[in-house]
Amino acid sequence: MKLLIDADLIAYEASAAAEMVDEGYEIRNFDWVIGYTDDLVEGIKEAVGGVTSTELFITGDNNFRFDIATVKPYKGNRKDKEKPFYLPSVRKLLEVKYNALKVHGMEADDILAIEAVKYNSDEVCIASRDKDLRQVPCWQYSWEVGRQPEWGPELVDSIGELEATYSNKVLASGEPSKAIKKLSGTGLRWFYAQCIVGDSADNIPGLEGKGAGLAYELLRDAQTEKEMFYAVLGAYEFKYEHNARERLLEQGRLLWMCRELNPDGSAKMWELPYD
């Protein structure tokens, strides 16, 4: 099994953990951080099992998404968030000790997807907590941290699935609420759902004013990408009329994990798959 690890999340978790101490503002020393990082990487390998080779990827300079986002600034909600003190040091540790490849012009997530699709889906595993990557057809694994539970390893197929968790609230009529509290998924079904709901973590709005309920209704029974695309496009046309395709193209490019590189080494962005 080829294991591809999202090193951005490793670096952030290990450096943040060093500051999660009870004694005032004390920060653990860097030797502790090194040990935490080593244990985390080894724990992922053990959880996935049958690993024959491992590669780590970390985001470098620039990202095409910053240039194409016009509706809302990409990751514009993160500007004032203070980063852990050790973050640059752990990133360098991952590059030197684990040969993590620094990726420029795109995100590490894109290279994880690009590398994964070079193999048969049952021969490679992506290890990340970023739910965007679950659109990629291969083995997927997310390790536990904080309140986020472990997920997988699970083999994701191309079409994928959607899972809705409903609110347990009761309406004034006494009937249970049908509002969706959480929507999760895999494969193309998850990608097209995100085109509706967006991604608040990255400041991607999706289809503004719409959410999980519409996405689930449109996509839960779709059997092909063509059905999914036209269902989502129809929702965009209802809201935006003449520039619906332009709006969908932007949101799709922000959300799609790229699968190929252009001849110049840049990420090949998502295109509308049907006329």
C-alpha atoms as a PDB file:
ATOM      1  CA  MET A   1       0.000   0.000   0.000  1.00  0.00           C
ATOM      2  CA  LYS A   2       1.350   3.418  -1.019  1.00  0.00           C
ATOM      3  CA  LEU A   3       0.696   5.954   1.756  1.00  0.00           C
ATOM      4  CA  LEU A   4       0.401   9.683   0.959  1.00  0.00           C
ATOM      5  CA  ILE A   5       0.307  11.958   4.024  1.00  0.00           C
ATOM      6  CA  ASP A   6      -0.970  15.526   4.314  1.00  0.00           C
ATOM      7  CA  ALA A   7       2.018  17.028   6.132  1.00  0.00           C
ATOM      8  CA  ASP A   8       0.357  20.450   6.520  1.00  0.00           C
ATOM      9  CA  LEU A   9      -1.932  18.952   9.152  1.00  0.00           C
ATOM     10  CA  ILE A  10       0.918  17.051  10.824  1.00  0.00           C
ATOM     11  CA  ALA A  11       2.894  20.286  11.183  1.00  0.00           C
ATOM     12  CA  TYR A  12      -0.011  22.279  12.560  1.00  0.00           C
ATOM     13  CA  GLU A  13      -1.115  19.597  15.023  1.00  0.00           C
ATOM     14  CA  ALA A  14       2.368  18.936  16.410  1.00  0.00           C
ATOM     15  CA  SER A  15       3.202  22.619  16.854  1.00  0.00           C
ATOM     16  CA  ALA A  16      -0.189  23.442  18.373  1.00  0.00           C
ATOM     17  CA  ALA A  17       0.038  20.508  20.794  1.00  0.00           C
ATOM     18  CA  ALA A  18       3.219  22.005  22.265  1.00  0.00           C
ATOM     19  CA  GLU A  19       1.191  24.974  23.495  1.00  0.00           C
ATOM     20  CA  MET A  20      -1.640  22.936  25.032  1.00  0.00           C
ATOM     21  CA  VAL A  21      -0.253  22.814  28.571  1.00  0.00           C
ATOM     22  CA  ASP A  22      -1.870  23.617  31.907  1.00  0.00           C
ATOM     23  CA  GLU A  23       0.950  25.527  33.595  1.00  0.00           C
ATOM     24  CA  GLY A  24       0.343  29.130  32.599  1.00  0.00           C
ATOM     25  CA  TYR A  25       1.867  30.051  29.249  1.00  0.00           C
ATOM     26  CA  GLU A  26       4.552  27.380  29.231  1.00  0.00           C
ATOM     27  CA  ILE A  27       5.472  25.860  25.871  1.00  0.00           C
ATOM     28  CA  ARG A  28       6.959  22.393  25.648  1.00  0.00           C
ATOM     29  CA  ASN A  29      10.503  22.115  24.273  1.00  0.00           C
ATOM     30  CA  PHE A  30      11.201  21.178  20.668  1.00  0.00           C
ATOM     31  CA  ASP A  31      12.436  17.684  21.542  1.00  0.00           C
ATOM     32  CA  TRP A  32       8.904  16.961  22.757  1.00  0.00           C
ATOM     33  CA  VAL A  33       7.525  18.266  19.448  1.00  0.00           C
ATOM     34  CA  ILE A  34       9.882  16.005  17.493  1.00  0.00           C
ATOM     35  CA  GLY A  35       8.675  13.006  19.478  1.00  0.00           C
ATOM     36  CA  TYR A  36       5.041  13.983  18.962  1.00  0.00           C
ATOM     37  CA  THR A  37       5.615  14.303  15.214  1.00  0.00           C
ATOM     38  CA  ASP A  38       7.365  10.927  15.008  1.00  0.00           C
ATOM     39  CA  ASP A  39       4.610   9.213  16.984  1.00  0.00           C
ATOM     40  CA  LEU A  40       1.912  10.787  14.814  1.00  0.00           C
ATOM     41  CA  VAL A  41       3.493   9.667  11.535  1.00  0.00           C
ATOM     42  CA  GLU A  42       4.131   6.155  12.853  1.00  0.00           C
ATOM     43  CA  GLY A  43       0.607   5.953  14.268  1.00  0.00           C
ATOM     44  CA  ILE A  44      -0.863   6.778  10.859  1.00  0.00           C
ATOM     45  CA  LYS A  45       1.231   4.063   9.213  1.00  0.00           C
ATOM     46  CA  GLU A  46       0.107   1.523  11.780  1.00  0.00           C
ATOM     47  CA  ALA A  47      -3.554   2.473  11.457  1.00  0.00           C
ATOM     48  CA  VAL A  48      -3.498   2.200   7.654  1.00  0.00           C
ATOM     49  CA  GLY A  49      -1.595  -1.085   7.713  1.00  0.00           C
ATOM     50  CA  GLY A  50       0.292  -2.858   4.951  1.00  0.00           C
ATOM     51  CA  VAL A  51       2.262   0.278   4.063  1.00  0.00           C
ATOM     52  CA  THR A  52       5.092  -0.393   1.608  1.00  0.00           C
ATOM     53  CA  SER A  53       6.167   3.213   1.011  1.00  0.00           C
ATOM     54  CA  THR A  54       5.281   6.630   2.400  1.00  0.00           C
ATOM     55  CA  GLU A  55       5.439  10.140   0.956  1.00  0.00           C
ATOM     56  CA  LEU A  56       4.617  13.405   2.708  1.00  0.00           C
ATOM     57  CA  PHE A  57       3.589  16.676   1.046  1.00  0.00           C
ATOM     58  CA  ILE A  58       3.532  20.203   2.413  1.00  0.00           C
ATOM     59  CA  THR A  59       2.186  23.441   0.915  1.00  0.00           C
ATOM     60  CA  GLY A  60       4.748  25.992  -0.213  1.00  0.00           C
ATOM     61  CA  ASP A  61       4.395  29.400  -1.851  1.00  0.00           C
ATOM     62  CA  ASN A  62       1.406  30.680  -3.817  1.00  0.00           C
ATOM     63  CA  ASN A  63      -1.868  28.941  -4.593  1.00  0.00           C
ATOM     64  CA  PHE A  64      -3.897  29.478  -7.743  1.00  0.00           C
ATOM     65  CA  ARG A  65      -7.120  29.608  -5.696  1.00  0.00           C
ATOM     66  CA  PHE A  66      -6.202  33.018  -4.283  1.00  0.00           C
ATOM     67  CA  ASP A  67      -6.174  34.397  -7.833  1.00  0.00           C
ATOM     68  CA  ILE A  68      -9.442  32.895  -9.105  1.00  0.00           C
ATOM     69  CA  ALA A  69     -11.696  33.597  -6.096  1.00  0.00           C
ATOM     70  CA  THR A  70     -13.885  36.617  -6.924  1.00  0.00           C
ATOM     71  CA  VAL A  71     -17.027  36.072  -4.846  1.00  0.00           C
ATOM     72  CA  LYS A  72     -15.163  35.893  -1.541  1.00  0.00           C
ATOM     73  CA  PRO A  73     -11.409  35.998  -0.822  1.00  0.00           C
ATOM     74  CA  TYR A  74     -10.083  32.447  -0.596  1.00  0.00           C
ATOM     75  CA  LYS A  75      -9.266  31.709   3.065  1.00  0.00           C
ATOM     76  CA  GLY A  76     -10.057  35.331   3.780  1.00  0.00           C
ATOM     77  CA  ASN A  77     -11.430  34.324   7.169  1.00  0.00           C
ATOM     78  CA  ARG A  78      -7.994  33.232   8.415  1.00  0.00           C
ATOM     79  CA  LYS A  79      -5.978  36.446   8.152  1.00  0.00           C
ATOM     80  CA  ASP A  80      -5.981  37.346  11.840  1.00  0.00           C
ATOM     81  CA  LYS A  81      -5.552  33.834  13.213  1.00  0.00           C
ATOM     82  CA  GLU A  82      -2.317  33.461  15.143  1.00  0.00           C
ATOM     83  CA  LYS A  83      -0.227  30.444  14.149  1.00  0.00           C
ATOM     84  CA  PRO A  84       1.608  28.137  16.583  1.00  0.00           C
ATOM     85  CA  PHE A  85       5.127  29.239  17.488  1.00  0.00           C
ATOM     86  CA  TYR A  86       6.811  26.018  16.339  1.00  0.00           C
ATOM     87  CA  LEU A  87       4.937  25.735  13.034  1.00  0.00           C
ATOM     88  CA  PRO A  88       7.826  26.856  10.745  1.00  0.00           C
ATOM     89  CA  SER A  89      10.240  24.594  12.652  1.00  0.00           C
ATOM     90  CA  VAL A  90       8.013  21.514  12.341  1.00  0.00           C
ATOM     91  CA  ARG A  91       7.514  22.171   8.644  1.00  0.00           C
ATOM     92  CA  LYS A  92      11.295  22.236   8.217  1.00  0.00           C
ATOM     93  CA  LEU A  93      11.604  19.062  10.336  1.00  0.00           C
ATOM     94  CA  LEU A  94       9.182  17.262   8.032  1.00  0.00           C
ATOM     95  CA  GLU A  95      11.150  18.375   4.979  1.00  0.00           C
ATOM     96  CA  VAL A  96      14.526  17.311   6.388  1.00  0.00           C
ATOM     97  CA  LYS A  97      13.678  14.153   8.352  1.00  0.00           C
ATOM     98  CA  TYR A  98      10.775  12.808   6.304  1.00  0.00           C
ATOM     99  CA  ASN A  99      11.661  14.276   2.894  1.00  0.00           C
ATOM    100  CA  ALA A 100       8.291  16.015   2.720  1.00  0.00           C
ATOM    101  CA  LEU A 101       7.911  17.564  -0.723  1.00  0.00           C
ATOM    102  CA  LYS A 102       7.110  21.272  -0.633  1.00  0.00           C
ATOM    103  CA  VAL A 103       4.535  22.092  -3.305  1.00  0.00           C
ATOM    104  CA  HIS A 104       4.318  25.530  -4.939  1.00  0.00           C
ATOM    105  CA  GLY A 105       1.495  27.147  -6.903  1.00  0.00           C
ATOM    106  CA  MET A 106      -1.180  24.889  -5.405  1.00  0.00           C
ATOM    107  CA  GLU A 107      -1.921  23.095  -2.160  1.00  0.00           C
ATOM    108  CA  ALA A 108      -0.415  19.891  -0.862  1.00  0.00           C
ATOM    109  CA  ASP A 109      -3.953  18.480  -1.161  1.00  0.00           C
ATOM    110  CA  ASP A 110      -3.751  18.816  -4.940  1.00  0.00           C
ATOM    111  CA  ILE A 111      -0.521  16.846  -5.174  1.00  0.00           C
ATOM    112  CA  LEU A 112      -1.951  14.190  -2.873  1.00  0.00           C
ATOM    113  CA  ALA A 113      -4.818  13.760  -5.347  1.00  0.00           C
ATOM    114  CA  ILE A 114      -2.519  13.932  -8.385  1.00  0.00           C
ATOM    115  CA  GLU A 115      -0.260  11.242  -6.954  1.00  0.00           C
ATOM    116  CA  ALA A 116      -3.147   9.046  -5.752  1.00  0.00           C
ATOM    117  CA  VAL A 117      -4.788   8.736  -9.177  1.00  0.00           C
ATOM    118  CA  LYS A 118      -1.544   7.389 -10.648  1.00  0.00           C
ATOM    119  CA  TYR A 119      -2.315   4.089  -8.898  1.00  0.00           C
ATOM    120  CA  ASN A 120      -5.216   1.686  -8.836  1.00  0.00           C
ATOM    121  CA  SER A 121      -7.629   2.961  -6.218  1.00  0.00           C
ATOM    122  CA  ASP A 122      -7.082  -0.042  -3.939  1.00  0.00           C
ATOM    123  CA  GLU A 123      -3.281   0.352  -3.986  1.00  0.00           C
ATOM    124  CA  VAL A 124      -2.933   3.809  -2.428  1.00  0.00           C
ATOM    125  CA  CYS A 125      -4.159   5.592   0.697  1.00  0.00           C
ATOM    126  CA  ILE A 126      -4.442   9.311   1.410  1.00  0.00           C
ATOM    127  CA  ALA A 127      -4.024  10.199   5.089  1.00  0.00           C
ATOM    128  CA  SER A 128      -5.512  13.584   5.927  1.00  0.00           C
ATOM    129  CA  ARG A 129      -8.205  15.175   8.077  1.00  0.00           C
ATOM    130  CA  ASP A 130      -9.212  17.498   5.242  1.00  0.00           C
ATOM    131  CA  LYS A 131     -12.639  16.288   4.111  1.00  0.00           C
ATOM    132  CA  ASP A 132     -12.123  17.844   0.650  1.00  0.00           C
ATOM    133  CA  LEU A 133      -9.769  14.999  -0.218  1.00  0.00           C
ATOM    134  CA  ARG A 134     -12.506  12.425   0.282  1.00  0.00           C
ATOM    135  CA  GLN A 135     -13.665  13.193  -3.253  1.00  0.00           C
ATOM    136  CA  VAL A 136     -10.611  11.250  -4.528  1.00  0.00           C
ATOM    137  CA  PRO A 137     -11.240   7.543  -5.332  1.00  0.00           C
ATOM    138  CA  CYS A 138      -8.735   5.569  -3.241  1.00  0.00           C
ATOM    139  CA  TRP A 139      -8.279   4.415   0.334  1.00  0.00           C
ATOM    140  CA  GLN A 140      -8.783   7.301   2.758  1.00  0.00           C
ATOM    141  CA  TYR A 141      -7.824   7.671   6.416  1.00  0.00           C
ATOM    142  CA  SER A 142      -8.312  10.450   8.979  1.00  0.00           C
ATOM    143  CA  TRP A 143      -6.676  10.175  12.399  1.00  0.00           C
ATOM    144  CA  GLU A 144      -8.369  11.248  15.612  1.00  0.00           C
ATOM    145  CA  VAL A 145      -7.631  14.644  17.109  1.00  0.00           C
ATOM    146  CA  GLY A 146      -9.616  16.567  19.699  1.00  0.00           C
ATOM    147  CA  ARG A 147     -13.324  16.086  19.046  1.00  0.00           C
ATOM    148  CA  GLN A 148     -12.727  14.853  15.506  1.00  0.00           C
ATOM    149  CA  PRO A 149     -13.002  11.050  15.509  1.00  0.00           C
ATOM    150  CA  GLU A 150     -10.908   8.629  13.512  1.00  0.00           C
ATOM    151  CA  TRP A 151     -12.364   7.793  10.095  1.00  0.00           C
ATOM    152  CA  GLY A 152     -11.374   4.884   7.903  1.00  0.00           C
ATOM    153  CA  PRO A 153      -9.360   3.464   6.388  1.00  0.00           C
ATOM    154  CA  GLU A 154     -12.193   3.367   3.856  1.00  0.00           C
ATOM    155  CA  LEU A 155     -12.059   2.663   0.142  1.00  0.00           C
ATOM    156  CA  VAL A 156     -13.757   5.508  -1.727  1.00  0.00           C
ATOM    157  CA  ASP A 157     -15.184   4.911  -5.204  1.00  0.00           C
ATOM    158  CA  SER A 158     -15.581   7.493  -7.944  1.00  0.00           C
ATOM    159  CA  ILE A 159     -19.314   8.188  -7.495  1.00  0.00           C
ATOM    160  CA  GLY A 160     -19.179   8.109  -3.709  1.00  0.00           C
ATOM    161  CA  GLU A 161     -21.866   8.579  -1.088  1.00  0.00           C
ATOM    162  CA  LEU A 162     -23.620  11.240   0.972  1.00  0.00           C
ATOM    163  CA  GLU A 163     -24.573  10.875   4.610  1.00  0.00           C
ATOM    164  CA  ALA A 164     -26.932  13.268   6.366  1.00  0.00           C
ATOM    165  CA  THR A 165     -27.187  13.670  10.136  1.00  0.00           C
ATOM    166  CA  TYR A 166     -30.447  15.318  11.107  1.00  0.00           C
ATOM    167  CA  SER A 167     -31.099  17.795  13.885  1.00  0.00           C
ATOM    168  CA  ASN A 168     -32.866  16.294  16.893  1.00  0.00           C
ATOM    169  CA  LYS A 169     -34.930  19.442  17.425  1.00  0.00           C
ATOM    170  CA  VAL A 170     -38.716  19.327  17.611  1.00  0.00           C
ATOM    171  CA  LEU A 171     -40.844  21.880  15.726  1.00  0.00           C
ATOM    172  CA  ALA A 172     -43.646  23.896  17.346  1.00  0.00           C
ATOM    173  CA  SER A 173     -46.089  21.495  15.686  1.00  0.00           C
ATOM    174  CA  GLY A 174     -44.561  18.638  17.642  1.00  0.00           C
ATOM    175  CA  GLU A 175     -43.079  17.084  14.517  1.00  0.00           C
ATOM    176  CA  PRO A 176     -39.342  16.284  14.423  1.00  0.00           C
ATOM    177  CA  SER A 177     -37.234  18.743  12.453  1.00  0.00           C
ATOM    178  CA  LYS A 178     -36.043  17.574   9.037  1.00  0.00           C
ATOM    179  CA  ALA A 179     -33.152  20.045   9.048  1.00  0.00           C
ATOM    180  CA  ILE A 180     -29.765  18.500   8.292  1.00  0.00           C
ATOM    181  CA  LYS A 181     -27.266  19.161  11.053  1.00  0.00           C
ATOM    182  CA  LYS A 182     -24.267  17.742   9.188  1.00  0.00           C
ATOM    183  CA  LEU A 183     -23.626  16.536   5.663  1.00  0.00           C
ATOM    184  CA  SER A 184     -20.608  14.405   4.827  1.00  0.00           C
ATOM    185  CA  GLY A 185     -19.641  12.325   1.860  1.00  0.00           C
ATOM    186  CA  THR A 186     -17.157  10.882  -0.588  1.00  0.00           C
ATOM    187  CA  GLY A 187     -16.393  10.792  -4.304  1.00  0.00           C
ATOM    188  CA  LEU A 188     -18.046  12.957  -6.946  1.00  0.00           C
ATOM    189  CA  ARG A 189     -21.238  13.075  -4.928  1.00  0.00           C
ATOM    190  CA  TRP A 190     -19.330  14.920  -2.177  1.00  0.00           C
ATOM    191  CA  PHE A 191     -17.641  17.296  -4.632  1.00  0.00           C
ATOM    192  CA  TYR A 192     -20.945  18.351  -6.182  1.00  0.00           C
ATOM    193  CA  ALA A 193     -22.516  18.654  -2.730  1.00  0.00           C
ATOM    194  CA  GLN A 194     -19.735  21.069  -1.800  1.00  0.00           C
ATOM    195  CA  CYS A 195     -20.531  23.114  -4.906  1.00  0.00           C
ATOM    196  CA  ILE A 196     -23.867  23.763  -3.199  1.00  0.00           C
ATOM    197  CA  VAL A 197     -22.863  24.070   0.479  1.00  0.00           C
ATOM    198  CA  GLY A 198     -19.397  25.565  -0.026  1.00  0.00           C
ATOM    199  CA  ASP A 199     -16.600  25.238   2.521  1.00  0.00           C
ATOM    200  CA  SER A 200     -16.702  27.696   5.413  1.00  0.00           C
ATOM    201  CA  ALA A 201     -13.192  26.690   6.570  1.00  0.00           C
ATOM    202  CA  ASP A 202     -11.737  28.069   3.304  1.00  0.00           C
ATOM    203  CA  ASN A 203     -14.272  30.898   2.871  1.00  0.00           C
ATOM    204  CA  ILE A 204     -15.825  29.267  -0.217  1.00  0.00           C
ATOM    205  CA  PRO A 205     -19.524  30.198  -0.381  1.00  0.00           C
ATOM    206  CA  GLY A 206     -20.829  27.579  -2.825  1.00  0.00           C
ATOM    207  CA  LEU A 207     -24.379  28.403  -3.916  1.00  0.00           C
ATOM    208  CA  GLU A 208     -25.106  31.329  -1.643  1.00  0.00           C
ATOM    209  CA  GLY A 209     -28.306  31.052   0.348  1.00  0.00           C
ATOM    210  CA  LYS A 210     -28.533  27.297  -0.132  1.00  0.00           C
ATOM    211  CA  GLY A 211     -27.195  24.473   1.969  1.00  0.00           C
ATOM    212  CA  ALA A 212     -27.072  20.828   2.937  1.00  0.00           C
ATOM    213  CA  GLY A 213     -30.787  20.187   2.504  1.00  0.00           C
ATOM    214  CA  LEU A 214     -30.778  21.128  -1.176  1.00  0.00           C
ATOM    215  CA  ALA A 215     -27.484  19.320  -1.845  1.00  0.00           C
ATOM    216  CA  TYR A 216     -28.800  16.102  -0.313  1.00  0.00           C
ATOM    217  CA  GLU A 217     -32.095  16.347  -2.175  1.00  0.00           C
ATOM    218  CA  LEU A 218     -30.392  16.903  -5.532  1.00  0.00           C
ATOM    219  CA  LEU A 219     -27.617  14.355  -5.244  1.00  0.00           C
ATOM    220  CA  ARG A 220     -28.552  11.461  -2.977  1.00  0.00           C
ATOM    221  CA  ASP A 221     -30.180   9.411  -5.761  1.00  0.00           C
ATOM    222  CA  ALA A 222     -27.981  10.499  -8.685  1.00  0.00           C
ATOM    223  CA  GLN A 223     -26.145   7.575 -10.284  1.00  0.00           C
ATOM    224  CA  THR A 224     -23.819   9.329 -12.741  1.00  0.00           C
ATOM    225  CA  GLU A 225     -21.692  12.450 -12.820  1.00  0.00           C
ATOM    226  CA  LYS A 226     -23.863  13.787 -15.636  1.00  0.00           C
ATOM    227  CA  GLU A 227     -26.936  13.640 -13.402  1.00  0.00           C
ATOM    228  CA  MET A 228     -25.058  15.369 -10.593  1.00  0.00           C
ATOM    229  CA  PHE A 229     -23.663  18.104 -12.805  1.00  0.00           C
ATOM    230  CA  TYR A 230     -26.968  19.060 -14.381  1.00  0.00           C
ATOM    231  CA  ALA A 231     -28.771  18.938 -11.036  1.00  0.00           C
ATOM    232  CA  VAL A 232     -26.268  21.369  -9.521  1.00  0.00           C
ATOM    233  CA  LEU A 233     -26.134  23.523 -12.653  1.00  0.00           C
ATOM    234  CA  GLY A 234     -29.930  23.766 -12.572  1.00  0.00           C
ATOM    235  CA  ALA A 235     -29.773  25.111  -9.012  1.00  0.00           C
ATOM    236  CA  TYR A 236     -27.184  27.692 -10.091  1.00  0.00           C
ATOM    237  CA  GLU A 237     -29.296  28.698 -13.108  1.00  0.00           C
ATOM    238  CA  PHE A 238     -32.339  29.192 -10.897  1.00  0.00           C
ATOM    239  CA  LYS A 239     -30.375  31.659  -8.766  1.00  0.00           C
ATOM    240  CA  TYR A 240     -27.930  33.297 -11.193  1.00  0.00           C
ATOM    241  CA  GLU A 241     -29.603  32.820 -14.609  1.00  0.00           C
ATOM    242  CA  HIS A 242     -27.198  34.017 -17.311  1.00  0.00           C
ATOM    243  CA  ASN A 243     -23.893  33.715 -15.423  1.00  0.00           C
ATOM    244  CA  ALA A 244     -24.684  30.414 -13.721  1.00  0.00           C
ATOM    245  CA  ARG A 245     -21.963  28.467 -15.523  1.00  0.00           C
ATOM    246  CA  GLU A 246     -19.368  31.116 -14.686  1.00  0.00           C
ATOM    247  CA  ARG A 247     -20.308  31.009 -11.006  1.00  0.00           C
ATOM    248  CA  LEU A 248     -20.312  27.213 -10.891  1.00  0.00           C
ATOM    249  CA  LEU A 249     -16.951  27.059 -12.668  1.00  0.00           C
ATOM    250  CA  GLU A 250     -15.344  29.307 -10.044  1.00  0.00           C
ATOM    251  CA  GLN A 251     -16.769  27.395  -7.092  1.00  0.00           C
ATOM    252  CA  GLY A 252     -15.884  24.061  -8.647  1.00  0.00           C
ATOM    253  CA  ARG A 253     -12.292  25.121  -9.272  1.00  0.00           C
ATOM    254  CA  LEU A 254     -11.929  26.274  -5.678  1.00  0.00           C
ATOM    255  CA  LEU A 255     -13.291  22.970  -4.350  1.00  0.00           C
ATOM    256  CA  TRP A 256     -11.879  20.430  -6.809  1.00  0.00           C
ATOM    257  CA  MET A 257      -8.727  18.558  -5.841  1.00  0.00           C
ATOM    258  CA  CYS A 258      -6.698  18.681  -9.058  1.00  0.00           C
ATOM    259  CA  ARG A 259      -5.784  15.349 -10.678  1.00  0.00           C
ATOM    260  CA  GLU A 260      -3.251  16.420 -13.322  1.00  0.00           C
ATOM    261  CA  LEU A 261      -0.439  18.875 -13.968  1.00  0.00           C
ATOM    262  CA  ASN A 262      -0.194  21.071 -17.033  1.00  0.00           C
ATOM    263  CA  PRO A 263       2.998  20.875 -19.161  1.00  0.00           C
ATOM    264  CA  ASP A 264       4.378  23.893 -17.259  1.00  0.00           C
ATOM    265  CA  GLY A 265       3.912  22.127 -13.913  1.00  0.00           C
ATOM    266  CA  SER A 266       0.886  24.140 -12.811  1.00  0.00           C
ATOM    267  CA  ALA A 267      -2.279  22.460 -11.543  1.00  0.00           C
ATOM    268  CA  LYS A 268      -4.829  21.562 -14.226  1.00  0.00           C
ATOM    269  CA  MET A 269      -8.019  23.155 -12.936  1.00  0.00           C
ATOM    270  CA  TRP A 270     -11.511  21.701 -13.088  1.00  0.00           C
ATOM    271  CA  GLU A 271     -13.598  22.369 -16.189  1.00  0.00           C
ATOM    272  CA  LEU A 272     -17.353  22.075 -16.640  1.00  0.00           C
ATOM    273  CA  PRO A 273     -17.625  18.439 -17.788  1.00  0.00           C
ATOM    274  CA  TYR A 274     -20.672  18.882 -20.068  1.00  0.00           C
ATOM    275  CA  ASP A 275     -21.898  21.547 -22.493  1.00  0.00           C
END
